[in-house]
Amino acid sequence: MARITFVGAGSLGFTRGLVRDMLTFPLLKDSTLVLMDINKERLEFARRAVQSIVDRGQYPAKVIATMDRREALKGADAVLCTILSGGVDVWQHDILIPKKYGIDTNVGDTRSVSGVFRALRTIPVMVSIVKDMEKLCPNAILLNYTNPMAMLCRAMQRTSFIKITGLCHSVQGTASMLAKWIGAKDEEITYVCAGINHQAWYTEFKRNGKDAYPAIHKAITTSKKIYEHEKVRNEMYLHLDYYVTESSGHNSEYNWWFRKRPDLIKKYCTGGDGWNPGEYAYILTCYRDAARTWKKQVKEWFAKGAPLDLERGHEYAASIVNAYMGGEMFKFNGNVPNDGLIDNLPRECCVEVPVVADKRGFNSIHVGALPPQCVALNQVSVSVEEMAVEAALTGDPRMVFHAVAYDPLSAAVLSLAEIKKMVNEMLKKNKAYLPQFKKFEA
């Protein structure tokens, strides 16, 4: 019987889907599902939701809910993390303060100045989780879904022996999108994708064993609908020759090219999918609405009988846990230390590469060197991430400034003196969430 712990179980969408997927595996159907959250109301929602899945599927699983993290971790075989450190009242300033200085943010949870500050708040919590795991479940695996993925995984992998990987939708999601664009089925597609989280590159993309990039190129250059669906990423492909993971809204923040001037935002960052609008703080509006309406949504969902398709979804987590518990090996793209996996990225930085899960844990696959025009952008992001992680672990405000100084979007818009002023203002605004810092001025 597996013991699977969900830290941050009050996440409305994730917990339901992940539990549903877990219970579809014969090895996991009798699991003990331990739900932990610091929000009592959300935890109760999660308990009721998970119990409804167990009851409807007639699974012999057991559901436990607790607000005690150490109790939740005790004896776990697998831990899934979907936490948010600080609510809208805190992280809205990750978007609003940079906007005051001229940095127009779209999503703000992974990179650029917003991602750095989310990492500073979240890394101490994540490190405390793995330190608890070392004592309470040292042989468990940790699957992280929380952003900023690369910085959080790097901090944990740097400070703990726990088997850790980070999971993201962007690799399989983008592969399915590209397949659809060329009229292919997912099962016809094979690929090699490697780089860093939200900025990994399909160095190979094949349909039935043949290079599919010519068909992708034709689709992007001949279909206005396809081009405009992902303007930023399509522009990156047309100029860098390889397709990148994660949406245009995210990627527009990770480089110098699309958000440094209002005219560029209007040209490249409007329209497209729901993560792609040009107006700043779009995601902030979404999360404010979600925070305000979640109770109503939960009430309505239960009133409808808690409907949920019990067929397995497309997340990696359940297949990974199944493999670790002795089931079929499973290949996925995960966030792991660069132990010689990508030749032209720094050793030990957090990379996103193919990984095989089995009873031993995570077996990462050597990819080799990335194309120079792709790895150049990765190198900049890795440098920022390494400085941000160092700052978070040591409480060094000067290192925070240096991290943001090399952030491509911040550097494209502001001078060094302006960046320093902005960082100092953000440090002071986050003071209550940065216990590792003694000074709040760079």
Protein backbone atom coordinates (compact mmCIF):
# COMPACT_ATOMS: atom_id res chain seq x y z
CA MET A 1 0.00 0.00 0.00
CA ALA A 2 1.53 3.30 -1.13
CA ARG A 3 1.37 6.38 1.07
CA ILE A 4 1.07 9.45 -1.19
CA THR A 5 1.17 12.90 0.37
CA PHE A 6 -0.14 16.09 -1.23
CA VAL A 7 1.40 19.26 0.22
CA GLY A 8 -0.74 22.20 -0.84
CA ALA A 9 -3.73 19.93 -1.38
CA GLY A 10 -6.14 22.88 -1.45
CA SER A 11 -5.20 23.61 -5.06
CA LEU A 12 -8.60 23.45 -6.77
CA GLY A 13 -7.66 21.69 -9.98
CA PHE A 14 -4.45 19.81 -9.31
CA THR A 15 -5.40 17.58 -6.39
CA ARG A 16 -8.58 16.26 -7.98
CA GLY A 17 -6.85 15.37 -11.23
CA LEU A 18 -3.74 13.91 -9.66
CA VAL A 19 -5.71 11.67 -7.27
CA ARG A 20 -7.98 10.54 -10.10
CA ASP A 21 -4.90 9.54 -12.12
CA MET A 22 -3.20 7.75 -9.21
CA LEU A 23 -6.15 5.49 -8.50
CA THR A 24 -6.36 4.23 -12.09
CA PHE A 25 -3.20 2.16 -11.48
CA PRO A 26 -3.77 -1.26 -9.84
CA LEU A 27 -0.62 -0.75 -7.74
CA LEU A 28 -1.98 2.52 -6.34
CA LYS A 29 -5.72 1.89 -6.01
CA ASP A 30 -5.41 1.01 -2.31
CA SER A 31 -3.12 3.94 -1.47
CA THR A 32 -3.31 6.04 1.63
CA LEU A 33 -3.88 9.57 0.27
CA VAL A 34 -2.68 12.18 2.75
CA LEU A 35 -3.88 15.73 2.08
CA MET A 36 -2.13 18.66 3.75
CA ASP A 37 -2.84 22.37 3.47
CA ILE A 38 -2.54 25.41 5.75
CA ASN A 39 -5.98 26.68 4.70
CA LYS A 40 -8.65 24.79 6.65
CA GLU A 41 -11.48 25.52 4.22
CA ARG A 42 -9.52 24.50 1.16
CA LEU A 43 -8.29 21.37 2.91
CA GLU A 44 -11.87 20.34 3.70
CA PHE A 45 -12.81 20.89 0.07
CA ALA A 46 -9.91 18.68 -1.00
CA ARG A 47 -10.90 15.95 1.46
CA ARG A 48 -14.49 15.90 0.25
CA ALA A 49 -13.42 15.99 -3.39
CA VAL A 50 -10.91 13.16 -3.03
CA GLN A 51 -13.33 11.05 -0.99
CA SER A 52 -15.94 11.48 -3.73
CA ILE A 53 -13.44 10.16 -6.29
CA VAL A 54 -12.63 7.17 -4.07
CA ASP A 55 -16.33 6.45 -3.52
CA ARG A 56 -17.35 6.80 -7.15
CA GLY A 57 -14.50 4.58 -8.32
CA GLN A 58 -15.13 2.11 -5.47
CA TYR A 59 -11.41 2.14 -4.70
CA PRO A 60 -10.02 0.61 -1.47
CA ALA A 61 -8.03 3.80 -0.85
CA LYS A 62 -7.91 5.68 2.44
CA VAL A 63 -8.12 9.48 2.69
CA ILE A 64 -6.49 11.48 5.49
CA ALA A 65 -6.57 15.28 5.83
CA THR A 66 -4.28 17.22 8.14
CA MET A 67 -2.85 20.71 8.63
CA ASP A 68 0.26 19.22 10.26
CA ARG A 69 2.92 18.96 7.55
CA ARG A 70 5.24 16.70 9.53
CA GLU A 71 2.38 14.31 10.24
CA ALA A 72 1.50 14.30 6.54
CA LEU A 73 5.08 13.51 5.50
CA LYS A 74 5.66 10.70 8.01
CA GLY A 75 6.28 7.45 6.15
CA ALA A 76 5.39 8.81 2.71
CA ASP A 77 6.49 6.97 -0.43
CA ALA A 78 5.81 9.94 -2.70
CA VAL A 79 5.20 13.63 -2.01
CA LEU A 80 3.52 15.97 -4.48
CA CYS A 81 3.94 19.70 -3.91
CA THR A 82 1.55 22.36 -5.25
CA ILE A 83 2.04 25.17 -2.73
CA LEU A 84 1.81 28.96 -3.08
CA SER A 85 3.92 30.94 -0.62
CA GLY A 86 2.00 34.15 0.02
CA GLY A 87 -1.33 35.08 -1.52
CA VAL A 88 -2.45 37.76 -3.93
CA ASP A 89 -1.90 40.49 -1.34
CA VAL A 90 1.83 39.76 -1.42
CA TRP A 91 2.73 38.66 -4.90
CA GLN A 92 0.64 41.30 -6.67
CA HIS A 93 3.62 43.55 -5.98
CA ASP A 94 5.80 41.27 -8.13
CA ILE A 95 3.79 42.69 -11.01
CA LEU A 96 2.72 46.14 -9.82
CA ILE A 97 6.11 47.47 -8.66
CA PRO A 98 7.98 46.51 -11.86
CA LYS A 99 5.14 48.08 -13.87
CA LYS A 100 5.78 51.35 -12.07
CA TYR A 101 9.35 51.18 -13.37
CA GLY A 102 8.25 50.36 -16.93
CA ILE A 103 8.47 46.56 -16.90
CA ASP A 104 5.26 45.14 -18.34
CA THR A 105 4.64 41.66 -16.93
CA ASN A 106 2.18 39.10 -18.26
CA VAL A 107 2.38 36.01 -16.03
CA GLY A 108 5.17 36.74 -13.57
CA ASP A 109 5.57 33.37 -11.85
CA THR A 110 8.69 31.86 -13.37
CA ARG A 111 11.36 34.31 -14.55
CA SER A 112 12.23 37.98 -14.80
CA VAL A 113 12.05 40.14 -11.67
CA SER A 114 8.66 38.69 -10.70
CA GLY A 115 9.93 35.12 -10.80
CA VAL A 116 13.02 36.01 -8.77
CA PHE A 117 10.92 37.43 -5.94
CA ARG A 118 8.50 34.53 -5.97
CA ALA A 119 11.55 32.26 -5.63
CA LEU A 120 12.91 34.29 -2.69
CA ARG A 121 9.62 33.77 -0.82
CA THR A 122 9.15 30.13 -1.75
CA ILE A 123 12.63 28.60 -1.50
CA PRO A 124 12.78 28.68 2.33
CA VAL A 125 9.47 26.82 2.49
CA MET A 126 10.53 24.23 -0.08
CA VAL A 127 13.87 23.64 1.63
CA SER A 128 12.07 23.15 4.93
CA ILE A 129 9.85 20.53 3.27
CA VAL A 130 12.79 18.46 2.01
CA LYS A 131 14.55 18.79 5.37
CA ASP A 132 11.44 17.36 7.02
CA MET A 133 11.41 14.60 4.41
CA GLU A 134 15.01 13.69 5.24
CA LYS A 135 13.86 12.86 8.76
CA LEU A 136 10.34 11.53 8.16
CA CYS A 137 10.41 9.84 4.74
CA PRO A 138 14.02 9.77 3.49
CA ASN A 139 13.31 7.25 0.72
CA ALA A 140 10.34 9.13 -0.74
CA ILE A 141 10.37 10.91 -4.06
CA LEU A 142 9.30 14.55 -4.33
CA LEU A 143 7.37 15.70 -7.39
CA ASN A 144 7.19 19.49 -7.53
CA TYR A 145 4.55 21.40 -9.49
CA THR A 146 5.19 24.79 -7.87
CA ASN A 147 6.77 27.69 -9.80
CA PRO A 148 9.33 29.08 -10.33
CA MET A 149 10.20 25.49 -11.16
CA ALA A 150 13.90 25.68 -12.03
CA MET A 151 14.88 27.88 -9.08
CA LEU A 152 12.92 25.86 -6.53
CA CYS A 153 14.25 22.53 -7.77
CA ARG A 154 17.80 23.88 -7.91
CA ALA A 155 17.59 25.09 -4.30
CA MET A 156 16.23 21.76 -3.06
CA GLN A 157 18.60 19.64 -5.13
CA ARG A 158 21.51 21.74 -3.89
CA THR A 159 20.62 21.32 -0.20
CA SER A 160 19.10 17.83 0.10
CA PHE A 161 19.68 14.18 -0.80
CA ILE A 162 15.94 13.59 -1.39
CA LYS A 163 15.06 12.31 -4.88
CA ILE A 164 13.49 15.40 -6.48
CA THR A 165 12.15 16.30 -9.87
CA GLY A 166 9.92 19.09 -11.13
CA LEU A 167 6.99 18.45 -13.45
CA CYS A 168 5.51 20.85 -15.99
CA HIS A 169 2.83 20.59 -18.67
CA SER A 170 4.74 22.50 -21.29
CA VAL A 171 6.73 19.70 -22.96
CA GLN A 172 3.84 17.32 -23.65
CA GLY A 173 1.44 20.23 -24.16
CA THR A 174 3.57 21.89 -26.82
CA ALA A 175 4.26 18.56 -28.54
CA SER A 176 0.51 17.94 -28.82
CA MET A 177 -0.04 21.46 -30.12
CA LEU A 178 2.62 21.04 -32.84
CA ALA A 179 1.21 17.64 -33.77
CA LYS A 180 -2.24 19.17 -34.18
CA TRP A 181 -0.82 21.93 -36.38
CA ILE A 182 0.55 19.38 -38.85
CA GLY A 183 -2.46 17.06 -38.69
CA ALA A 184 -0.67 14.31 -36.78
CA LYS A 185 -1.84 12.14 -33.92
CA ASP A 186 0.13 12.25 -30.67
CA GLU A 187 1.11 8.59 -31.04
CA GLU A 188 2.77 9.38 -34.40
CA ILE A 189 5.13 11.89 -32.79
CA THR A 190 8.55 11.32 -31.23
CA TYR A 191 10.86 14.06 -30.05
CA VAL A 192 13.94 15.03 -28.08
CA CYS A 193 13.31 18.07 -25.90
CA ALA A 194 15.92 19.58 -23.59
CA GLY A 195 16.97 22.86 -22.01
CA ILE A 196 15.56 24.45 -18.88
CA ASN A 197 12.01 24.64 -17.60
CA HIS A 198 9.72 26.77 -19.82
CA GLN A 199 12.69 27.23 -22.16
CA ALA A 200 13.46 23.75 -23.46
CA TRP A 201 13.98 23.13 -27.17
CA TYR A 202 12.73 20.39 -29.49
CA THR A 203 16.06 19.46 -31.03
CA GLU A 204 14.24 16.65 -32.82
CA PHE A 205 10.56 16.49 -33.73
CA LYS A 206 9.54 13.56 -35.91
CA ARG A 207 6.35 12.13 -37.34
CA ASN A 208 6.51 8.39 -37.98
CA GLY A 209 10.30 8.59 -37.87
CA LYS A 210 10.64 11.49 -40.35
CA ASP A 211 11.64 15.07 -39.58
CA ALA A 212 8.42 17.05 -39.01
CA TYR A 213 10.01 20.50 -38.81
CA PRO A 214 9.38 21.26 -42.51
CA ALA A 215 5.65 20.64 -41.95
CA ILE A 216 5.70 22.78 -38.80
CA HIS A 217 7.44 25.58 -40.69
CA LYS A 218 4.84 25.41 -43.45
CA ALA A 219 1.97 25.52 -40.96
CA ILE A 220 3.36 28.58 -39.18
CA THR A 221 4.18 30.50 -42.35
CA THR A 222 1.00 29.73 -44.30
CA SER A 223 -1.71 29.80 -41.63
CA LYS A 224 -2.48 33.18 -40.09
CA LYS A 225 -4.54 31.46 -37.39
CA ILE A 226 -1.63 29.23 -36.33
CA TYR A 227 0.89 32.06 -36.46
CA GLU A 228 -1.24 34.37 -34.34
CA HIS A 229 -2.11 31.63 -31.83
CA GLU A 230 1.51 31.68 -30.59
CA LYS A 231 3.08 34.83 -32.04
CA VAL A 232 6.00 35.07 -29.64
CA ARG A 233 7.00 31.42 -29.83
CA ASN A 234 6.46 31.31 -33.57
CA GLU A 235 8.72 34.35 -34.00
CA MET A 236 11.32 32.65 -31.82
CA TYR A 237 11.11 29.52 -33.97
CA LEU A 238 11.33 31.45 -37.25
CA HIS A 239 14.49 33.22 -36.09
CA LEU A 240 16.15 30.61 -33.85
CA ASP A 241 15.20 27.50 -35.89
CA TYR A 242 13.95 25.35 -32.99
CA TYR A 243 10.62 25.38 -31.18
CA VAL A 244 10.56 26.28 -27.49
CA THR A 245 8.29 24.99 -24.72
CA GLU A 246 5.73 27.00 -22.74
CA SER A 247 3.26 29.62 -23.93
CA SER A 248 3.93 32.92 -25.63
CA GLY A 249 2.74 34.86 -22.60
CA HIS A 250 5.44 33.25 -20.48
CA ASN A 251 8.16 33.38 -23.12
CA SER A 252 7.57 37.04 -23.87
CA GLU A 253 8.97 37.75 -20.37
CA TYR A 254 12.08 35.60 -20.68
CA ASN A 255 14.03 37.58 -23.28
CA TRP A 256 14.78 41.06 -24.66
CA TRP A 257 12.71 40.95 -27.81
CA PHE A 258 8.98 41.39 -27.22
CA ARG A 259 8.00 43.40 -24.11
CA LYS A 260 10.48 46.29 -23.90
CA ARG A 261 8.34 48.77 -25.87
CA PRO A 262 4.58 49.36 -26.09
CA ASP A 263 4.63 48.98 -29.87
CA LEU A 264 6.29 45.57 -29.60
CA ILE A 265 3.78 44.45 -26.99
CA LYS A 266 0.96 45.54 -29.27
CA LYS A 267 2.51 43.76 -32.27
CA TYR A 268 3.57 40.46 -30.70
CA CYS A 269 1.84 40.11 -27.33
CA THR A 270 -1.82 40.66 -28.06
CA GLY A 271 -4.36 38.12 -29.21
CA GLY A 272 -3.45 34.46 -29.25
CA ASP A 273 -4.25 32.15 -26.38
CA GLY A 274 -5.36 33.07 -22.87
CA TRP A 275 -1.82 33.54 -21.54
CA ASN A 276 -0.80 35.87 -24.29
CA PRO A 277 -2.48 39.29 -23.90
CA GLY A 278 -0.32 42.39 -23.81
CA GLU A 279 -1.95 44.23 -20.95
CA TYR A 280 0.09 43.94 -17.79
CA ALA A 281 -1.20 42.11 -14.71
CA TYR A 282 -3.53 39.90 -16.75
CA ILE A 283 -2.70 36.93 -14.57
CA LEU A 284 -3.08 39.06 -11.45
CA THR A 285 -6.67 39.80 -12.47
CA CYS A 286 -7.29 36.09 -13.06
CA TYR A 287 -5.95 35.09 -9.68
CA ARG A 288 -7.82 37.84 -7.88
CA ASP A 289 -11.02 36.58 -9.45
CA ALA A 290 -10.17 32.97 -8.55
CA ALA A 291 -9.39 33.90 -4.94
CA ARG A 292 -12.71 35.71 -4.70
CA THR A 293 -14.94 33.12 -6.35
CA TRP A 294 -13.44 29.73 -5.42
CA LYS A 295 -15.95 29.02 -2.64
CA LYS A 296 -18.83 29.60 -5.04
CA GLN A 297 -17.21 27.32 -7.62
CA VAL A 298 -16.72 24.58 -5.03
CA LYS A 299 -20.31 24.85 -3.82
CA GLU A 300 -21.64 24.62 -7.37
CA TRP A 301 -19.39 21.64 -8.18
CA PHE A 302 -20.64 19.65 -5.20
CA ALA A 303 -24.24 20.69 -5.92
CA LYS A 304 -23.84 19.07 -9.36
CA GLY A 305 -22.72 15.83 -7.73
CA ALA A 306 -18.94 16.48 -7.92
CA PRO A 307 -18.65 15.49 -11.59
CA LEU A 308 -15.22 14.28 -12.71
CA ASP A 309 -14.24 11.90 -15.48
CA LEU A 310 -12.45 9.00 -13.77
CA GLU A 311 -10.38 8.19 -16.86
CA ARG A 312 -6.64 8.84 -16.46
CA GLY A 313 -5.47 12.28 -17.62
CA HIS A 314 -2.18 13.43 -19.14
CA GLU A 315 -0.16 14.46 -16.08
CA TYR A 316 3.11 12.60 -15.49
CA ALA A 317 2.86 12.29 -11.70
CA ALA A 318 0.74 9.14 -11.38
CA SER A 319 2.82 7.20 -13.90
CA ILE A 320 6.00 8.24 -12.08
CA VAL A 321 4.70 7.16 -8.69
CA ASN A 322 3.49 3.88 -10.19
CA ALA A 323 6.96 3.25 -11.64
CA TYR A 324 8.67 4.06 -8.33
CA MET A 325 6.37 1.66 -6.49
CA GLY A 326 7.39 -1.16 -8.85
CA GLY A 327 5.14 -0.71 -11.86
CA GLU A 328 6.06 -0.13 -15.49
CA MET A 329 9.01 2.20 -16.12
CA PHE A 330 7.95 5.62 -17.34
CA LYS A 331 9.78 8.16 -19.49
CA PHE A 332 9.03 11.87 -19.07
CA ASN A 333 10.72 15.26 -19.18
CA GLY A 334 11.71 16.35 -15.71
CA ASN A 335 13.75 18.98 -13.90
CA VAL A 336 16.95 17.45 -12.56
CA PRO A 337 20.58 18.48 -11.82
CA ASN A 338 22.78 18.82 -14.89
CA ASP A 339 25.07 15.93 -14.09
CA GLY A 340 26.67 15.98 -17.54
CA LEU A 341 23.29 15.78 -19.27
CA ILE A 342 23.52 18.95 -21.39
CA ASP A 343 27.15 19.49 -22.35
CA ASN A 344 27.04 23.25 -22.87
CA LEU A 345 25.11 24.28 -19.75
CA PRO A 346 26.75 24.66 -16.30
CA ARG A 347 27.19 21.51 -14.24
CA GLU A 348 24.58 20.98 -11.50
CA CYS A 349 22.24 23.74 -12.70
CA CYS A 350 18.62 22.63 -13.01
CA VAL A 351 17.86 21.35 -16.51
CA GLU A 352 14.75 19.85 -18.11
CA VAL A 353 15.64 16.65 -19.96
CA PRO A 354 14.24 13.18 -20.66
CA VAL A 355 14.12 11.05 -17.49
CA VAL A 356 13.13 7.43 -16.88
CA ALA A 357 11.38 6.65 -13.58
CA ASP A 358 11.66 3.19 -12.04
CA LYS A 359 12.12 1.60 -8.61
CA ARG A 360 15.54 3.27 -8.29
CA GLY A 361 14.04 6.73 -8.73
CA PHE A 362 14.96 9.12 -11.55
CA ASN A 363 17.36 8.06 -14.28
CA SER A 364 18.24 11.11 -16.39
CA ILE A 365 19.27 10.76 -20.03
CA HIS A 366 22.32 12.42 -21.60
CA VAL A 367 21.28 14.79 -24.38
CA GLY A 368 24.58 16.35 -25.48
CA ALA A 369 25.05 19.92 -26.65
CA LEU A 370 22.16 22.22 -27.50
CA PRO A 371 22.30 24.43 -30.61
CA PRO A 372 24.37 27.56 -29.83
CA GLN A 373 21.57 30.02 -30.59
CA CYS A 374 19.32 28.15 -28.13
CA VAL A 375 21.79 27.53 -25.35
CA ALA A 376 22.79 31.22 -25.37
CA LEU A 377 19.34 32.19 -24.10
CA ASN A 378 19.39 29.31 -21.60
CA GLN A 379 22.78 30.46 -20.31
CA VAL A 380 21.43 33.90 -19.43
CA SER A 381 18.42 32.44 -17.61
CA VAL A 382 20.60 29.92 -15.74
CA SER A 383 22.94 32.69 -14.60
CA VAL A 384 20.00 34.68 -13.21
CA GLU A 385 18.57 31.58 -11.55
CA GLU A 386 21.87 30.61 -9.94
CA MET A 387 22.26 34.09 -8.42
CA ALA A 388 18.64 34.14 -7.24
CA VAL A 389 19.01 30.73 -5.55
CA GLU A 390 22.25 31.85 -3.88
CA ALA A 391 20.47 34.98 -2.65
CA ALA A 392 17.54 32.98 -1.29
CA LEU A 393 19.76 30.49 0.54
CA THR A 394 22.12 33.07 2.03
CA GLY A 395 19.85 36.11 2.50
CA ASP A 396 22.12 38.32 0.41
CA PRO A 397 20.21 41.36 -0.93
CA ARG A 398 23.14 42.37 -3.13
CA MET A 399 22.87 39.04 -4.94
CA VAL A 400 19.16 39.69 -5.53
CA PHE A 401 20.08 42.92 -7.28
CA HIS A 402 22.73 41.17 -9.38
CA ALA A 403 20.22 38.48 -10.42
CA VAL A 404 17.67 41.05 -11.57
CA ALA A 405 20.38 43.17 -13.22
CA TYR A 406 21.00 40.33 -15.67
CA ASP A 407 17.34 39.51 -16.22
CA PRO A 408 16.87 40.18 -19.97
CA LEU A 409 13.56 42.05 -19.67
CA SER A 410 14.66 44.23 -16.74
CA ALA A 411 17.96 45.04 -18.46
CA ALA A 412 16.19 45.89 -21.72
CA VAL A 413 14.04 48.51 -19.97
CA LEU A 414 16.04 49.89 -17.03
CA SER A 415 19.49 51.15 -16.09
CA LEU A 416 21.48 49.52 -13.32
CA ALA A 417 20.60 52.33 -10.91
CA GLU A 418 16.91 51.99 -11.73
CA ILE A 419 17.04 48.21 -11.27
CA LYS A 420 18.68 48.66 -7.88
CA LYS A 421 15.99 51.12 -6.78
CA MET A 422 13.24 48.74 -7.92
CA VAL A 423 14.83 45.75 -6.17
CA ASN A 424 15.17 47.67 -2.91
CA GLU A 425 11.50 48.65 -3.04
CA MET A 426 10.48 45.03 -3.68
CA LEU A 427 12.73 43.71 -0.91
CA LYS A 428 11.07 46.03 1.60
CA LYS A 429 7.59 45.07 0.37
CA ASN A 430 8.44 41.36 0.84
CA LYS A 431 10.16 41.78 4.20
CA ALA A 432 7.67 39.69 6.15
CA TYR A 433 8.19 36.75 3.77
CA LEU A 434 11.98 36.76 3.72
CA PRO A 435 13.10 35.42 7.11
CA GLN A 436 16.52 34.54 5.73
CA PHE A 437 17.33 38.23 5.08
CA LYS A 438 18.77 40.58 7.72
CA LYS A 439 19.10 43.55 5.35
CA PHE A 440 16.56 44.71 2.79
CA GLU A 441 18.68 47.02 0.69
CA ALA A 442 21.12 46.06 -2.03
